[in-house]
């Protein structure tokens, strides 16, 4: 399904956060081999984002976290979380941004820092909430309205230079996507 899995690592401590143990468990385990995982966070409940989760969680001993509204359909969740909570790994801190629409519990992960040069950097791991060119798939008018409200009220409140790292495909920035939001509303998907 060509999913993206992201490993965030605090270089000082070697502690990390894995976002979406989607599939290819052996490949993910190779990627995290030298990292002490503090948590595995699942952005939403869809099968293509959780296939490797049980195996990766068992092999690493890392707790599995997901938004409370999606936990019933995720094969392994050790702790349900909500929007606004933070996940610490070493000195790094990632904030959870609940963005319902694609699923009731869809949640993005926002990592903010200075990139080592003092300039602010923001990375938004958006799961299937936001892609280059539009929001994630929805199956009803109500879901579409919810995802658009999530985008406009929660994600597009962030600065334009926020790097968006989606659950599938290439990265983008909020500044690149922001001008087309009215088009997304008008087309209805």
N, C-alpha and C. Protein backbone atom coordinates (compact mmCIF):
# COMPACT_ATOMS: atom_id res chain seq x y z
N UNK A 1 0.82 -1.20 0.00
CA UNK A 1 0.00 0.00 0.00
C UNK A 1 0.86 1.25 0.00
N UNK A 2 2.17 1.09 -0.05
CA UNK A 2 3.10 2.21 -0.14
C UNK A 2 2.91 3.20 1.01
N UNK A 3 2.81 2.67 2.22
CA UNK A 3 2.68 3.52 3.41
C UNK A 3 4.02 4.08 3.83
N UNK A 4 3.97 5.22 4.49
CA UNK A 4 5.14 5.79 5.13
C UNK A 4 5.10 5.46 6.61
N UNK A 5 6.23 5.02 7.15
CA UNK A 5 6.41 4.86 8.58
C UNK A 5 7.55 5.80 8.95
N UNK A 6 7.41 6.49 10.07
CA UNK A 6 8.40 7.49 10.45
C UNK A 6 9.03 7.15 11.79
N UNK A 7 10.34 7.25 11.86
CA UNK A 7 11.07 7.06 13.10
C UNK A 7 11.68 8.40 13.49
N UNK A 8 11.24 8.94 14.62
CA UNK A 8 11.78 10.19 15.15
C UNK A 8 12.73 9.82 16.28
N UNK A 9 13.94 10.38 16.28
CA UNK A 9 14.94 10.00 17.26
C UNK A 9 15.56 11.25 17.89
N UNK A 10 15.62 11.25 19.21
CA UNK A 10 16.37 12.26 19.94
C UNK A 10 17.82 11.80 19.94
N UNK A 11 18.67 12.52 19.21
CA UNK A 11 20.05 12.07 19.02
C UNK A 11 20.84 12.02 20.32
N UNK A 12 20.51 12.85 21.27
CA UNK A 12 21.25 12.88 22.53
C UNK A 12 21.06 11.59 23.32
N UNK A 13 19.82 11.14 23.41
CA UNK A 13 19.51 9.96 24.23
C UNK A 13 19.39 8.67 23.45
N UNK A 14 19.16 8.77 22.14
CA UNK A 14 18.91 7.58 21.34
C UNK A 14 17.50 7.04 21.48
N UNK A 15 16.65 7.79 22.19
CA UNK A 15 15.25 7.37 22.36
C UNK A 15 14.44 7.82 21.15
N UNK A 16 13.40 7.04 20.83
CA UNK A 16 12.65 7.34 19.64
C UNK A 16 11.15 7.12 19.75
N UNK A 17 10.48 7.63 18.74
CA UNK A 17 9.04 7.47 18.57
C UNK A 17 8.81 6.97 17.15
N UNK A 18 8.09 5.87 17.03
CA UNK A 18 7.73 5.33 15.72
C UNK A 18 6.30 5.72 15.42
N UNK A 19 6.08 6.26 14.24
CA UNK A 19 4.74 6.64 13.81
C UNK A 19 4.30 5.69 12.70
N UNK A 20 3.23 4.96 12.96
CA UNK A 20 2.60 4.02 12.03
C UNK A 20 3.49 2.82 11.66
N UNK A 21 3.35 1.75 12.41
CA UNK A 21 3.98 0.48 12.08
C UNK A 21 3.11 -0.19 11.04
N UNK A 22 3.16 0.35 9.84
CA UNK A 22 2.20 0.03 8.79
C UNK A 22 2.32 -1.42 8.30
N UNK A 23 3.42 -1.75 7.71
CA UNK A 23 3.64 -3.11 7.22
C UNK A 23 5.14 -3.34 7.10
N UNK A 24 5.54 -4.49 6.62
CA UNK A 24 6.95 -4.85 6.51
C UNK A 24 7.64 -4.77 7.88
N UNK A 25 7.17 -5.59 8.81
CA UNK A 25 7.69 -5.57 10.18
C UNK A 25 9.20 -5.72 10.23
N UNK A 26 9.77 -6.63 9.46
CA UNK A 26 11.22 -6.83 9.49
C UNK A 26 11.96 -5.58 9.06
N UNK A 27 11.47 -4.90 8.06
CA UNK A 27 12.10 -3.66 7.59
C UNK A 27 12.03 -2.58 8.68
N UNK A 28 10.89 -2.47 9.34
CA UNK A 28 10.74 -1.49 10.43
C UNK A 28 11.68 -1.86 11.58
N UNK A 29 11.75 -3.13 11.93
CA UNK A 29 12.64 -3.55 13.01
C UNK A 29 14.10 -3.26 12.68
N UNK A 30 14.49 -3.42 11.43
CA UNK A 30 15.84 -3.04 11.02
C UNK A 30 16.05 -1.54 11.19
N UNK A 31 15.04 -0.76 10.85
CA UNK A 31 15.13 0.71 10.95
C UNK A 31 15.29 1.15 12.40
N UNK A 32 14.61 0.50 13.33
CA UNK A 32 14.64 0.91 14.74
C UNK A 32 15.69 0.17 15.56
N UNK A 33 16.52 -0.63 14.93
CA UNK A 33 17.43 -1.53 15.65
C UNK A 33 18.28 -0.82 16.70
N UNK A 34 18.80 0.35 16.43
CA UNK A 34 19.69 1.06 17.37
C UNK A 34 18.96 2.11 18.19
N UNK A 35 17.65 2.06 18.19
CA UNK A 35 16.84 3.08 18.87
C UNK A 35 16.07 2.44 20.01
N UNK A 36 16.04 3.11 21.14
CA UNK A 36 15.18 2.66 22.23
C UNK A 36 13.83 3.34 22.06
N UNK A 37 12.87 2.59 21.55
CA UNK A 37 11.55 3.17 21.29
C UNK A 37 10.82 3.45 22.59
N UNK A 38 10.39 4.69 22.75
CA UNK A 38 9.59 5.07 23.91
C UNK A 38 8.11 4.79 23.64
N UNK A 39 7.72 4.81 22.35
CA UNK A 39 6.33 4.54 21.99
C UNK A 39 6.21 4.30 20.50
N UNK A 40 5.11 3.63 20.16
CA UNK A 40 4.67 3.49 18.77
C UNK A 40 3.31 4.17 18.72
N UNK A 41 3.18 5.17 17.86
CA UNK A 41 1.91 5.88 17.75
C UNK A 41 1.26 5.54 16.42
N UNK A 42 -0.03 5.18 16.47
CA UNK A 42 -0.80 4.87 15.26
C UNK A 42 -1.71 6.05 14.96
N UNK A 43 -1.58 6.61 13.75
CA UNK A 43 -2.35 7.81 13.39
C UNK A 43 -3.83 7.56 13.21
N UNK A 44 -4.20 6.35 12.81
CA UNK A 44 -5.62 6.01 12.68
C UNK A 44 -5.77 4.50 12.50
N UNK A 45 -6.99 4.05 12.55
CA UNK A 45 -7.29 2.62 12.68
C UNK A 45 -7.27 1.79 11.41
N UNK A 46 -7.03 2.35 10.27
CA UNK A 46 -7.12 1.57 9.03
C UNK A 46 -6.02 0.51 8.94
N UNK A 47 -6.41 -0.62 8.37
CA UNK A 47 -5.58 -1.82 8.31
C UNK A 47 -4.19 -1.54 7.74
N UNK A 48 -4.10 -0.71 6.73
CA UNK A 48 -2.80 -0.48 6.10
C UNK A 48 -1.83 0.32 6.97
N UNK A 49 -2.28 0.79 8.12
CA UNK A 49 -1.40 1.53 9.04
C UNK A 49 -1.04 0.72 10.29
N UNK A 50 -1.53 -0.51 10.39
CA UNK A 50 -1.31 -1.29 11.62
C UNK A 50 -0.85 -2.72 11.38
N UNK A 51 -0.59 -3.11 10.16
CA UNK A 51 -0.27 -4.51 9.87
C UNK A 51 0.94 -5.02 10.65
N UNK A 52 1.97 -4.22 10.82
CA UNK A 52 3.18 -4.66 11.51
C UNK A 52 3.17 -4.33 12.99
N UNK A 53 2.15 -3.66 13.47
CA UNK A 53 2.12 -3.17 14.84
C UNK A 53 2.33 -4.26 15.90
N UNK A 54 1.57 -5.36 15.89
CA UNK A 54 1.77 -6.35 16.95
C UNK A 54 3.20 -6.90 16.99
N UNK A 55 3.76 -7.20 15.82
CA UNK A 55 5.10 -7.78 15.76
C UNK A 55 6.16 -6.76 16.21
N UNK A 56 6.04 -5.52 15.77
CA UNK A 56 7.02 -4.49 16.14
C UNK A 56 6.92 -4.17 17.63
N UNK A 57 5.71 -4.07 18.15
CA UNK A 57 5.54 -3.79 19.58
C UNK A 57 6.11 -4.93 20.43
N UNK A 58 5.86 -6.15 20.03
CA UNK A 58 6.38 -7.29 20.79
C UNK A 58 7.90 -7.33 20.75
N UNK A 59 8.48 -7.12 19.58
CA UNK A 59 9.93 -7.21 19.43
C UNK A 59 10.67 -6.09 20.16
N UNK A 60 10.06 -4.91 20.23
CA UNK A 60 10.74 -3.76 20.84
C UNK A 60 10.34 -3.52 22.29
N UNK A 61 9.19 -4.04 22.70
CA UNK A 61 8.68 -3.77 24.04
C UNK A 61 8.11 -2.37 24.19
N UNK A 62 8.01 -1.63 23.11
CA UNK A 62 7.49 -0.25 23.16
C UNK A 62 5.98 -0.28 23.31
N UNK A 63 5.43 0.62 24.13
CA UNK A 63 3.98 0.70 24.25
C UNK A 63 3.35 1.26 22.98
N UNK A 64 2.19 0.74 22.66
CA UNK A 64 1.44 1.18 21.49
C UNK A 64 0.37 2.18 21.93
N UNK A 65 0.34 3.35 21.27
CA UNK A 65 -0.60 4.41 21.60
C UNK A 65 -1.46 4.74 20.39
N UNK A 66 -2.72 5.11 20.64
CA UNK A 66 -3.62 5.55 19.58
C UNK A 66 -4.74 6.37 20.22
N UNK A 67 -5.40 7.18 19.41
CA UNK A 67 -6.51 7.99 19.91
C UNK A 67 -7.64 7.07 20.39
N UNK A 68 -8.27 7.47 21.47
CA UNK A 68 -9.33 6.68 22.09
C UNK A 68 -10.47 6.33 21.13
N UNK A 69 -10.76 7.19 20.16
CA UNK A 69 -11.88 6.94 19.25
C UNK A 69 -11.58 5.86 18.20
N UNK A 70 -10.34 5.42 18.10
CA UNK A 70 -9.99 4.39 17.12
C UNK A 70 -9.47 3.10 17.73
N UNK A 71 -9.28 3.02 19.04
CA UNK A 71 -8.58 1.87 19.64
C UNK A 71 -9.27 0.53 19.41
N UNK A 72 -10.57 0.51 19.32
CA UNK A 72 -11.27 -0.78 19.18
C UNK A 72 -10.92 -1.52 17.90
N UNK A 73 -10.46 -0.80 16.87
CA UNK A 73 -10.15 -1.46 15.59
C UNK A 73 -8.65 -1.54 15.32
N UNK A 74 -7.83 -1.31 16.33
CA UNK A 74 -6.38 -1.41 16.20
C UNK A 74 -5.95 -2.65 16.96
N UNK A 75 -5.13 -3.53 16.35
CA UNK A 75 -4.86 -4.83 16.95
C UNK A 75 -4.11 -4.81 18.28
N UNK A 76 -3.38 -3.75 18.59
CA UNK A 76 -2.68 -3.68 19.87
C UNK A 76 -2.57 -2.22 20.29
N UNK A 77 -3.22 -1.89 21.39
CA UNK A 77 -3.09 -0.55 21.96
C UNK A 77 -2.90 -0.72 23.47
N UNK A 78 -1.80 -0.19 23.96
CA UNK A 78 -1.52 -0.24 25.39
C UNK A 78 -2.09 0.96 26.13
N UNK A 79 -2.21 2.08 25.41
CA UNK A 79 -2.75 3.27 26.06
C UNK A 79 -3.50 4.13 25.04
N UNK A 80 -4.73 4.47 25.38
CA UNK A 80 -5.52 5.39 24.56
C UNK A 80 -5.13 6.82 24.93
N UNK A 81 -5.01 7.67 23.93
CA UNK A 81 -4.61 9.06 24.15
C UNK A 81 -5.64 9.98 23.49
N UNK A 82 -5.50 11.26 23.76
CA UNK A 82 -6.38 12.27 23.18
C UNK A 82 -5.58 13.40 22.56
N UNK A 83 -6.26 14.23 21.80
CA UNK A 83 -5.62 15.40 21.20
C UNK A 83 -5.07 16.32 22.27
N UNK A 84 -3.95 16.95 21.99
CA UNK A 84 -3.32 17.85 22.93
C UNK A 84 -2.30 17.18 23.83
N UNK A 85 -2.35 15.86 23.94
CA UNK A 85 -1.36 15.16 24.75
C UNK A 85 0.00 15.22 24.07
N UNK A 86 1.03 14.98 24.85
CA UNK A 86 2.39 14.97 24.33
C UNK A 86 3.04 13.62 24.56
N UNK A 87 3.91 13.25 23.64
CA UNK A 87 4.71 12.04 23.77
C UNK A 87 6.16 12.49 23.87
N UNK A 88 6.81 12.11 24.95
CA UNK A 88 8.21 12.45 25.16
C UNK A 88 9.09 11.29 24.71
N UNK A 89 10.19 11.62 24.05
CA UNK A 89 11.23 10.63 23.75
C UNK A 89 12.56 11.37 23.86
N UNK A 90 13.29 11.04 24.92
CA UNK A 90 14.49 11.80 25.25
C UNK A 90 14.09 13.22 25.60
N UNK A 91 14.79 14.18 25.04
CA UNK A 91 14.46 15.59 25.28
C UNK A 91 13.40 16.09 24.31
N UNK A 92 13.04 15.29 23.33
CA UNK A 92 12.08 15.69 22.31
C UNK A 92 10.65 15.48 22.80
N UNK A 93 9.77 16.30 22.26
CA UNK A 93 8.37 16.28 22.66
C UNK A 93 7.53 16.42 21.38
N UNK A 94 6.61 15.48 21.18
CA UNK A 94 5.69 15.53 20.04
C UNK A 94 4.28 15.74 20.58
N UNK A 95 3.56 16.66 19.97
CA UNK A 95 2.19 16.97 20.41
C UNK A 95 1.19 16.32 19.45
N UNK A 96 0.14 15.74 20.02
CA UNK A 96 -0.90 15.08 19.24
C UNK A 96 -2.00 16.08 18.90
N UNK A 97 -2.39 16.08 17.63
CA UNK A 97 -3.43 16.98 17.14
C UNK A 97 -4.56 16.11 16.58
N UNK A 98 -5.67 16.03 17.31
CA UNK A 98 -6.81 15.21 16.89
C UNK A 98 -7.47 15.86 15.67
N UNK A 99 -7.59 15.09 14.59
CA UNK A 99 -8.14 15.61 13.33
C UNK A 99 -9.19 14.64 12.77
N UNK A 100 -10.33 14.54 13.42
CA UNK A 100 -11.35 13.59 12.96
C UNK A 100 -11.84 13.91 11.55
N UNK A 101 -12.26 12.87 10.88
CA UNK A 101 -12.78 13.01 9.52
C UNK A 101 -12.48 11.76 8.72
N UNK A 102 -11.20 11.47 8.51
CA UNK A 102 -10.84 10.25 7.80
C UNK A 102 -11.30 9.04 8.62
N UNK A 103 -11.05 9.10 9.92
CA UNK A 103 -11.64 8.19 10.90
C UNK A 103 -11.97 9.06 12.12
N UNK A 104 -12.80 8.55 13.03
CA UNK A 104 -13.12 9.36 14.22
C UNK A 104 -11.89 9.71 15.07
N UNK A 105 -10.91 8.82 15.10
CA UNK A 105 -9.73 9.05 15.93
C UNK A 105 -8.50 9.51 15.19
N UNK A 106 -8.62 9.87 13.92
CA UNK A 106 -7.45 10.34 13.18
C UNK A 106 -6.72 11.42 13.96
N UNK A 107 -5.42 11.24 14.10
CA UNK A 107 -4.61 12.16 14.90
C UNK A 107 -3.26 12.36 14.22
N UNK A 108 -2.86 13.61 14.12
CA UNK A 108 -1.56 13.97 13.57
C UNK A 108 -0.57 14.16 14.70
N UNK A 109 0.72 14.06 14.37
CA UNK A 109 1.80 14.25 15.33
C UNK A 109 2.60 15.47 14.90
N UNK A 110 2.72 16.44 15.80
CA UNK A 110 3.46 17.67 15.51
C UNK A 110 4.75 17.68 16.30
N UNK A 111 5.86 17.77 15.59
CA UNK A 111 7.18 17.85 16.20
C UNK A 111 7.74 19.24 15.90
N UNK A 112 8.09 19.95 16.95
CA UNK A 112 8.65 21.30 16.79
C UNK A 112 10.04 21.33 17.40
N UNK A 113 10.94 22.06 16.76
CA UNK A 113 12.30 22.19 17.26
C UNK A 113 13.03 23.27 16.50
N UNK A 114 14.36 23.32 16.71
CA UNK A 114 15.12 24.37 16.03
C UNK A 114 16.04 23.85 14.95
N UNK A 115 16.08 22.57 14.72
CA UNK A 115 16.89 22.03 13.65
C UNK A 115 18.39 22.20 13.85
N UNK A 116 18.80 22.62 15.05
CA UNK A 116 20.21 22.76 15.34
C UNK A 116 20.82 24.10 14.97
N UNK A 117 20.11 24.92 14.21
CA UNK A 117 20.66 26.21 13.80
C UNK A 117 19.91 27.40 14.41
N UNK A 118 19.02 27.10 15.35
CA UNK A 118 18.26 28.16 16.00
C UNK A 118 16.98 28.55 15.28
N UNK A 119 16.84 28.18 14.01
CA UNK A 119 15.63 28.50 13.25
C UNK A 119 14.54 27.48 13.59
N UNK A 120 13.30 27.95 13.78
CA UNK A 120 12.23 27.00 14.11
C UNK A 120 11.94 26.04 12.96
N UNK A 121 11.66 24.82 13.34
CA UNK A 121 11.27 23.78 12.37
C UNK A 121 10.03 23.10 12.92
N UNK A 122 9.08 22.82 12.02
CA UNK A 122 7.86 22.11 12.41
C UNK A 122 7.62 21.00 11.39
N UNK A 123 7.36 19.82 11.93
CA UNK A 123 7.05 18.66 11.10
C UNK A 123 5.72 18.11 11.57
N UNK A 124 4.81 17.97 10.64
CA UNK A 124 3.48 17.45 10.93
C UNK A 124 3.34 16.10 10.24
N UNK A 125 3.23 15.05 11.04
CA UNK A 125 3.04 13.70 10.52
C UNK A 125 1.53 13.48 10.47
N UNK A 126 0.98 13.57 9.25
CA UNK A 126 -0.46 13.75 9.09
C UNK A 126 -1.26 12.47 8.87
N UNK A 127 -0.62 11.31 8.89
CA UNK A 127 -1.39 10.09 8.63
C UNK A 127 -2.13 10.24 7.31
N UNK A 128 -3.43 9.94 7.32
CA UNK A 128 -4.24 10.11 6.10
C UNK A 128 -5.16 11.32 6.20
N UNK A 129 -4.84 12.28 7.06
CA UNK A 129 -5.65 13.49 7.17
C UNK A 129 -5.35 14.46 6.05
N UNK A 130 -4.07 14.63 5.70
CA UNK A 130 -3.69 15.61 4.68
C UNK A 130 -2.59 15.05 3.80
N UNK A 131 -2.79 15.22 2.50
CA UNK A 131 -1.83 14.82 1.47
C UNK A 131 -1.54 16.02 0.58
N UNK A 132 -0.48 15.96 -0.23
CA UNK A 132 -0.33 16.99 -1.25
C UNK A 132 -1.57 16.96 -2.16
N UNK A 133 -2.27 18.06 -2.25
CA UNK A 133 -3.44 18.13 -3.12
C UNK A 133 -4.77 17.92 -2.45
N UNK A 134 -4.81 17.65 -1.14
CA UNK A 134 -6.11 17.55 -0.51
C UNK A 134 -6.17 16.67 0.71
N UNK A 135 -7.37 16.59 1.27
CA UNK A 135 -7.59 15.78 2.47
C UNK A 135 -7.65 14.29 2.13
N UNK A 136 -7.55 13.48 3.17
CA UNK A 136 -7.70 12.04 3.02
C UNK A 136 -9.12 11.67 2.62
N UNK A 137 -9.27 10.45 2.18
CA UNK A 137 -10.56 9.93 1.70
C UNK A 137 -11.59 9.93 2.82
N UNK A 138 -12.79 10.31 2.46
CA UNK A 138 -13.94 10.20 3.37
C UNK A 138 -15.05 9.49 2.62
N UNK A 139 -16.04 8.96 3.37
CA UNK A 139 -17.09 8.17 2.72
C UNK A 139 -18.48 8.79 2.86
N UNK A 140 -18.55 9.98 3.44
CA UNK A 140 -19.85 10.64 3.57
C UNK A 140 -19.65 12.15 3.61
N UNK A 141 -20.71 12.87 3.38
CA UNK A 141 -20.66 14.33 3.45
C UNK A 141 -20.27 14.77 4.86
N UNK A 142 -20.82 14.10 5.88
CA UNK A 142 -20.48 14.46 7.26
C UNK A 142 -19.00 14.27 7.55
N UNK A 143 -18.43 13.15 7.10
CA UNK A 143 -17.00 12.92 7.30
C UNK A 143 -16.16 13.96 6.57
N UNK A 144 -16.58 14.31 5.35
CA UNK A 144 -15.85 15.33 4.60
C UNK A 144 -15.89 16.67 5.33
N UNK A 145 -17.04 17.04 5.84
CA UNK A 145 -17.13 18.31 6.59
C UNK A 145 -16.24 18.26 7.83
N UNK A 146 -16.20 17.10 8.50
CA UNK A 146 -15.37 16.95 9.70
C UNK A 146 -13.89 17.08 9.36
N UNK A 147 -13.45 16.41 8.28
CA UNK A 147 -12.03 16.49 7.95
C UNK A 147 -11.65 17.90 7.51
N UNK A 148 -12.53 18.57 6.78
CA UNK A 148 -12.23 19.95 6.36
C UNK A 148 -12.19 20.88 7.58
N UNK A 149 -13.09 20.69 8.52
CA UNK A 149 -13.05 21.49 9.75
C UNK A 149 -11.76 21.23 10.51
N UNK A 150 -11.34 19.96 10.58
CA UNK A 150 -10.08 19.63 11.25
C UNK A 150 -8.91 20.33 10.57
N UNK A 151 -8.89 20.29 9.25
CA UNK A 151 -7.80 20.93 8.51
C UNK A 151 -7.79 22.43 8.75
N UNK A 152 -8.93 23.06 8.57
CA UNK A 152 -8.99 24.53 8.66
C UNK A 152 -8.79 25.04 10.09
N UNK A 153 -9.35 24.36 11.06
CA UNK A 153 -9.30 24.87 12.44
C UNK A 153 -8.05 24.43 13.19
N UNK A 154 -7.50 23.28 12.84
CA UNK A 154 -6.39 22.76 13.64
C UNK A 154 -5.06 22.76 12.88
N UNK A 155 -5.05 22.27 11.66
CA UNK A 155 -3.76 22.18 10.96
C UNK A 155 -3.37 23.49 10.31
N UNK A 156 -4.31 24.14 9.62
CA UNK A 156 -3.95 25.39 8.96
C UNK A 156 -3.85 26.57 9.91
N UNK A 157 -3.96 26.31 11.21
CA UNK A 157 -3.63 27.30 12.22
C UNK A 157 -2.11 27.36 12.43
N UNK A 158 -1.40 26.36 11.91
CA UNK A 158 0.06 26.30 12.02
C UNK A 158 0.70 27.14 10.91
N UNK A 159 1.96 27.53 11.08
CA UNK A 159 2.64 28.36 10.07
C UNK A 159 2.82 27.66 8.72
N UNK A 160 2.94 28.46 7.68
CA UNK A 160 3.10 27.97 6.31
C UNK A 160 4.30 27.07 6.12
N UNK A 161 5.38 27.30 6.88
CA UNK A 161 6.59 26.51 6.67
C UNK A 161 6.55 25.14 7.34
N UNK A 162 5.42 24.79 7.93
CA UNK A 162 5.28 23.47 8.55
C UNK A 162 5.38 22.39 7.47
N UNK A 163 6.34 21.48 7.64
CA UNK A 163 6.54 20.38 6.71
C UNK A 163 5.51 19.30 7.00
N UNK A 164 4.76 18.89 5.99
CA UNK A 164 3.74 17.86 6.14
C UNK A 164 4.29 16.54 5.62
N UNK A 165 4.30 15.53 6.49
CA UNK A 165 4.80 14.20 6.16
C UNK A 165 3.60 13.25 6.23
N UNK A 166 3.00 12.93 5.08
CA UNK A 166 1.76 12.15 5.08
C UNK A 166 1.98 10.65 5.23
N UNK A 167 0.88 9.94 5.44
CA UNK A 167 0.91 8.49 5.59
C UNK A 167 1.21 7.75 4.31
N UNK A 168 1.09 8.41 3.18
CA UNK A 168 1.41 7.83 1.87
C UNK A 168 1.97 8.95 1.00
N UNK A 169 2.92 8.64 0.16
CA UNK A 169 3.38 9.62 -0.83
C UNK A 169 4.38 10.63 -0.30
N UNK A 170 4.50 11.71 -1.06
CA UNK A 170 5.53 12.72 -0.83
C UNK A 170 5.12 13.76 0.19
N UNK A 171 6.12 14.45 0.71
CA UNK A 171 5.91 15.55 1.65
C UNK A 171 5.42 16.80 0.92
N UNK A 172 4.88 17.72 1.71
CA UNK A 172 4.47 19.03 1.21
C UNK A 172 4.62 20.01 2.37
N UNK A 173 4.15 21.23 2.20
CA UNK A 173 4.12 22.19 3.31
C UNK A 173 2.70 22.74 3.41
N UNK A 174 2.37 23.25 4.58
CA UNK A 174 1.05 23.86 4.74
C UNK A 174 0.91 25.07 3.84
N UNK A 175 1.99 25.83 3.66
CA UNK A 175 1.93 27.00 2.79
C UNK A 175 1.63 26.64 1.35
N UNK A 176 2.12 25.49 0.90
CA UNK A 176 1.84 25.05 -0.47
C UNK A 176 0.38 24.63 -0.62
N UNK A 177 -0.19 24.01 0.40
CA UNK A 177 -1.55 23.49 0.33
C UNK A 177 -2.62 24.53 0.67
N UNK A 178 -2.31 25.48 1.51
CA UNK A 178 -3.29 26.45 2.01
C UNK A 178 -4.11 27.15 0.91
N UNK A 179 -3.49 27.62 -0.18
CA UNK A 179 -4.28 28.35 -1.19
C UNK A 179 -5.37 27.52 -1.87
N UNK A 180 -5.26 26.20 -1.83
CA UNK A 180 -6.24 25.37 -2.53
C UNK A 180 -7.37 24.85 -1.63
N UNK A 181 -7.35 25.22 -0.35
CA UNK A 181 -8.40 24.76 0.56
C UNK A 181 -9.81 25.12 0.05
N UNK A 182 -10.06 26.33 -0.45
CA UNK A 182 -11.40 26.62 -0.98
C UNK A 182 -11.80 25.70 -2.13
N UNK A 183 -10.83 25.31 -2.96
CA UNK A 183 -11.12 24.37 -4.06
C UNK A 183 -11.55 23.02 -3.49
N UNK A 184 -10.87 22.56 -2.43
CA UNK A 184 -11.22 21.27 -1.83
C UNK A 184 -12.65 21.31 -1.33
N UNK A 185 -13.00 22.40 -0.63
CA UNK A 185 -14.39 22.53 -0.13
C UNK A 185 -15.37 22.49 -1.28
N UNK A 186 -15.07 23.23 -2.36
CA UNK A 186 -15.99 23.32 -3.49
C UNK A 186 -16.17 21.99 -4.21
N UNK A 187 -15.09 21.21 -4.35
CA UNK A 187 -15.20 19.94 -5.07
C UNK A 187 -15.82 18.85 -4.21
N UNK A 188 -15.77 19.00 -2.88
CA UNK A 188 -16.41 18.04 -1.99
C UNK A 188 -15.63 16.78 -1.70
N UNK A 189 -14.31 16.82 -1.97
CA UNK A 189 -13.44 15.68 -1.62
C UNK A 189 -12.00 16.15 -1.51
